[in-house]
Amino acid sequence: MPDRFPIPWTLKENEQSWAVCDANGFALAYVHFLGRPVVGTNPDLLTRDQARRIAANIARLPELLATRN
């Protein structure tokens, strides 16, 4: 049975989000960020770098799961 979401998973930056896409270009997840510098300490808003790190960890999931089996 072919993989439902073939690897490698990659990141694609949009205007205010990072998309995690499979090898076919299908978007699996979106991690949104605030497009301008965050002023103050609102914990609900991600910076661009925070969102990129979260999306990169999501993209690594197939690799991490393969090492556990």
N, C-alpha and C. Protein backbone atom coordinates (compact mmCIF):
# COMPACT_ATOMS: atom_id res chain seq x y z
N MET A 1 0.85 -1.19 0.00
CA MET A 1 0.00 0.00 0.00
C MET A 1 0.89 1.25 0.00
N PRO A 2 0.71 2.15 -0.95
CA PRO A 2 1.56 3.34 -1.00
C PRO A 2 1.32 4.25 0.20
N ASP A 3 2.35 5.00 0.55
CA ASP A 3 2.20 5.95 1.65
C ASP A 3 1.13 6.97 1.32
N ARG A 4 0.34 7.27 2.30
CA ARG A 4 -0.74 8.23 2.07
C ARG A 4 -0.20 9.64 1.85
N PHE A 5 0.84 9.99 2.60
CA PHE A 5 1.49 11.30 2.47
C PHE A 5 2.97 11.05 2.23
N PRO A 6 3.38 10.92 0.97
CA PRO A 6 4.77 10.52 0.68
C PRO A 6 5.79 11.55 1.17
N ILE A 7 6.93 10.99 1.57
CA ILE A 7 8.02 11.85 2.03
C ILE A 7 8.91 12.20 0.86
N PRO A 8 9.67 13.21 0.87
CA PRO A 8 9.96 14.09 2.00
C PRO A 8 8.89 15.17 2.17
N TRP A 9 8.69 15.56 3.41
CA TRP A 9 7.81 16.68 3.71
C TRP A 9 8.66 17.94 3.71
N THR A 10 8.15 18.99 3.11
CA THR A 10 8.91 20.23 2.98
C THR A 10 8.12 21.41 3.52
N LEU A 11 8.81 22.52 3.69
CA LEU A 11 8.19 23.75 4.17
C LEU A 11 8.03 24.71 3.01
N LYS A 12 6.92 25.43 3.03
CA LYS A 12 6.66 26.47 2.04
C LYS A 12 6.16 27.69 2.80
N GLU A 13 6.82 28.82 2.61
CA GLU A 13 6.42 30.03 3.32
C GLU A 13 5.34 30.75 2.53
N ASN A 14 4.27 31.10 3.21
CA ASN A 14 3.21 31.93 2.67
C ASN A 14 3.30 33.31 3.32
N GLU A 15 2.36 34.17 3.02
CA GLU A 15 2.42 35.54 3.54
C GLU A 15 2.46 35.59 5.07
N GLN A 16 1.59 34.83 5.73
CA GLN A 16 1.55 34.84 7.19
C GLN A 16 1.47 33.44 7.77
N SER A 17 2.05 32.45 7.06
CA SER A 17 2.06 31.09 7.59
C SER A 17 3.15 30.27 6.91
N TRP A 18 3.47 29.16 7.53
CA TRP A 18 4.33 28.15 6.94
C TRP A 18 3.46 26.95 6.64
N ALA A 19 3.59 26.37 5.47
CA ALA A 19 2.85 25.18 5.10
C ALA A 19 3.81 24.00 5.09
N VAL A 20 3.38 22.88 5.67
CA VAL A 20 4.13 21.64 5.59
C VAL A 20 3.47 20.83 4.48
N CYS A 21 4.25 20.53 3.41
CA CYS A 21 3.71 19.84 2.24
C CYS A 21 4.38 18.50 2.05
N ASP A 22 3.62 17.52 1.54
CA ASP A 22 4.21 16.22 1.23
C ASP A 22 4.92 16.28 -0.12
N ALA A 23 5.45 15.15 -0.59
CA ALA A 23 6.22 15.12 -1.84
C ALA A 23 5.37 15.50 -3.05
N ASN A 24 4.06 15.35 -2.96
CA ASN A 24 3.17 15.72 -4.07
C ASN A 24 2.73 17.18 -4.01
N GLY A 25 3.15 17.91 -2.98
CA GLY A 25 2.77 19.31 -2.85
C GLY A 25 1.48 19.52 -2.08
N PHE A 26 0.91 18.44 -1.53
CA PHE A 26 -0.32 18.54 -0.75
C PHE A 26 -0.01 19.12 0.63
N ALA A 27 -0.70 20.19 1.01
CA ALA A 27 -0.46 20.84 2.30
C ALA A 27 -1.04 20.00 3.43
N LEU A 28 -0.18 19.61 4.36
CA LEU A 28 -0.59 18.78 5.49
C LEU A 28 -0.92 19.61 6.72
N ALA A 29 -0.22 20.72 6.89
CA ALA A 29 -0.43 21.56 8.07
C ALA A 29 -0.02 22.99 7.74
N TYR A 30 -0.67 23.91 8.41
CA TYR A 30 -0.31 25.33 8.32
C TYR A 30 0.00 25.82 9.73
N VAL A 31 1.10 26.55 9.88
CA VAL A 31 1.45 27.17 11.16
C VAL A 31 1.48 28.67 10.90
N HIS A 32 0.55 29.39 11.50
CA HIS A 32 0.39 30.82 11.24
C HIS A 32 1.25 31.65 12.19
N PHE A 33 1.68 32.79 11.69
CA PHE A 33 2.47 33.73 12.50
C PHE A 33 1.99 35.14 12.19
N LEU A 34 2.40 36.06 13.06
CA LEU A 34 2.07 37.46 12.87
C LEU A 34 3.06 38.04 11.89
N GLY A 35 2.58 38.68 10.84
CA GLY A 35 3.43 39.17 9.77
C GLY A 35 4.25 40.39 10.11
N ARG A 36 4.04 40.97 11.26
CA ARG A 36 4.82 42.14 11.67
C ARG A 36 5.44 41.84 13.03
N PRO A 37 6.42 42.60 13.46
CA PRO A 37 7.04 42.36 14.76
C PRO A 37 6.02 42.39 15.89
N VAL A 38 6.15 41.48 16.82
CA VAL A 38 5.23 41.40 17.95
C VAL A 38 5.62 42.46 18.96
N VAL A 39 4.64 43.29 19.33
CA VAL A 39 4.85 44.33 20.34
C VAL A 39 4.10 43.89 21.59
N GLY A 40 4.78 43.88 22.70
CA GLY A 40 4.17 43.43 23.94
C GLY A 40 4.41 41.95 24.15
N THR A 41 3.64 41.36 25.04
CA THR A 41 3.85 39.96 25.39
C THR A 41 2.56 39.17 25.26
N ASN A 42 2.00 39.13 24.07
CA ASN A 42 0.79 38.35 23.84
C ASN A 42 1.20 36.91 23.54
N PRO A 43 0.91 35.96 24.44
CA PRO A 43 1.36 34.58 24.23
C PRO A 43 0.62 33.85 23.12
N ASP A 44 -0.45 34.42 22.58
CA ASP A 44 -1.22 33.76 21.54
C ASP A 44 -0.65 33.96 20.14
N LEU A 45 0.32 34.84 19.99
CA LEU A 45 0.85 35.17 18.68
C LEU A 45 2.25 34.59 18.52
N LEU A 46 2.48 33.90 17.41
CA LEU A 46 3.80 33.35 17.11
C LEU A 46 4.58 34.32 16.24
N THR A 47 5.89 34.36 16.45
CA THR A 47 6.74 35.11 15.54
C THR A 47 6.99 34.23 14.32
N ARG A 48 7.56 34.82 13.29
CA ARG A 48 7.87 34.07 12.06
C ARG A 48 8.83 32.92 12.37
N ASP A 49 9.85 33.18 13.19
CA ASP A 49 10.83 32.15 13.52
C ASP A 49 10.23 31.03 14.36
N GLN A 50 9.39 31.36 15.33
CA GLN A 50 8.73 30.34 16.14
C GLN A 50 7.87 29.43 15.27
N ALA A 51 7.12 30.04 14.35
CA ALA A 51 6.25 29.25 13.46
C ALA A 51 7.08 28.36 12.55
N ARG A 52 8.22 28.86 12.06
CA ARG A 52 9.08 28.06 11.19
C ARG A 52 9.64 26.85 11.94
N ARG A 53 10.05 27.05 13.20
CA ARG A 53 10.58 25.94 13.98
C ARG A 53 9.52 24.87 14.24
N ILE A 54 8.30 25.28 14.52
CA ILE A 54 7.21 24.32 14.73
C ILE A 54 6.93 23.56 13.44
N ALA A 55 6.85 24.28 12.32
CA ALA A 55 6.58 23.63 11.03
C ALA A 55 7.72 22.68 10.66
N ALA A 56 8.96 23.05 10.95
CA ALA A 56 10.10 22.18 10.65
C ALA A 56 10.04 20.90 11.47
N ASN A 57 9.60 20.99 12.71
CA ASN A 57 9.46 19.79 13.53
C ASN A 57 8.34 18.90 13.02
N ILE A 58 7.26 19.48 12.54
CA ILE A 58 6.19 18.69 11.94
C ILE A 58 6.72 17.96 10.71
N ALA A 59 7.50 18.65 9.89
CA ALA A 59 8.05 18.05 8.67
C ALA A 59 9.00 16.90 8.98
N ARG A 60 9.59 16.88 10.14
CA ARG A 60 10.51 15.80 10.53
C ARG A 60 9.80 14.57 11.08
N LEU A 61 8.50 14.63 11.30
CA LEU A 61 7.78 13.52 11.93
C LEU A 61 7.98 12.17 11.23
N PRO A 62 7.88 12.06 9.90
CA PRO A 62 8.07 10.74 9.28
C PRO A 62 9.46 10.16 9.59
N GLU A 63 10.47 11.01 9.59
CA GLU A 63 11.83 10.56 9.89
C GLU A 63 11.93 10.08 11.34
N LEU A 64 11.33 10.81 12.25
CA LEU A 64 11.38 10.44 13.66
C LEU A 64 10.60 9.15 13.93
N LEU A 65 9.47 8.99 13.30
CA LEU A 65 8.66 7.79 13.51
C LEU A 65 9.33 6.56 12.90
N ALA A 66 10.06 6.73 11.81
CA ALA A 66 10.74 5.60 11.17
C ALA A 66 11.85 5.06 12.05
N THR A 67 12.49 5.91 12.83
CA THR A 67 13.57 5.44 13.70
C THR A 67 13.05 4.71 14.93
N ARG A 68 11.81 4.88 15.28
CA ARG A 68 11.23 4.21 16.44
C ARG A 68 10.85 2.77 16.14
N ASN A 69 10.60 2.44 14.89
CA ASN A 69 10.15 1.08 14.54
C ASN A 69 11.30 0.15 14.32
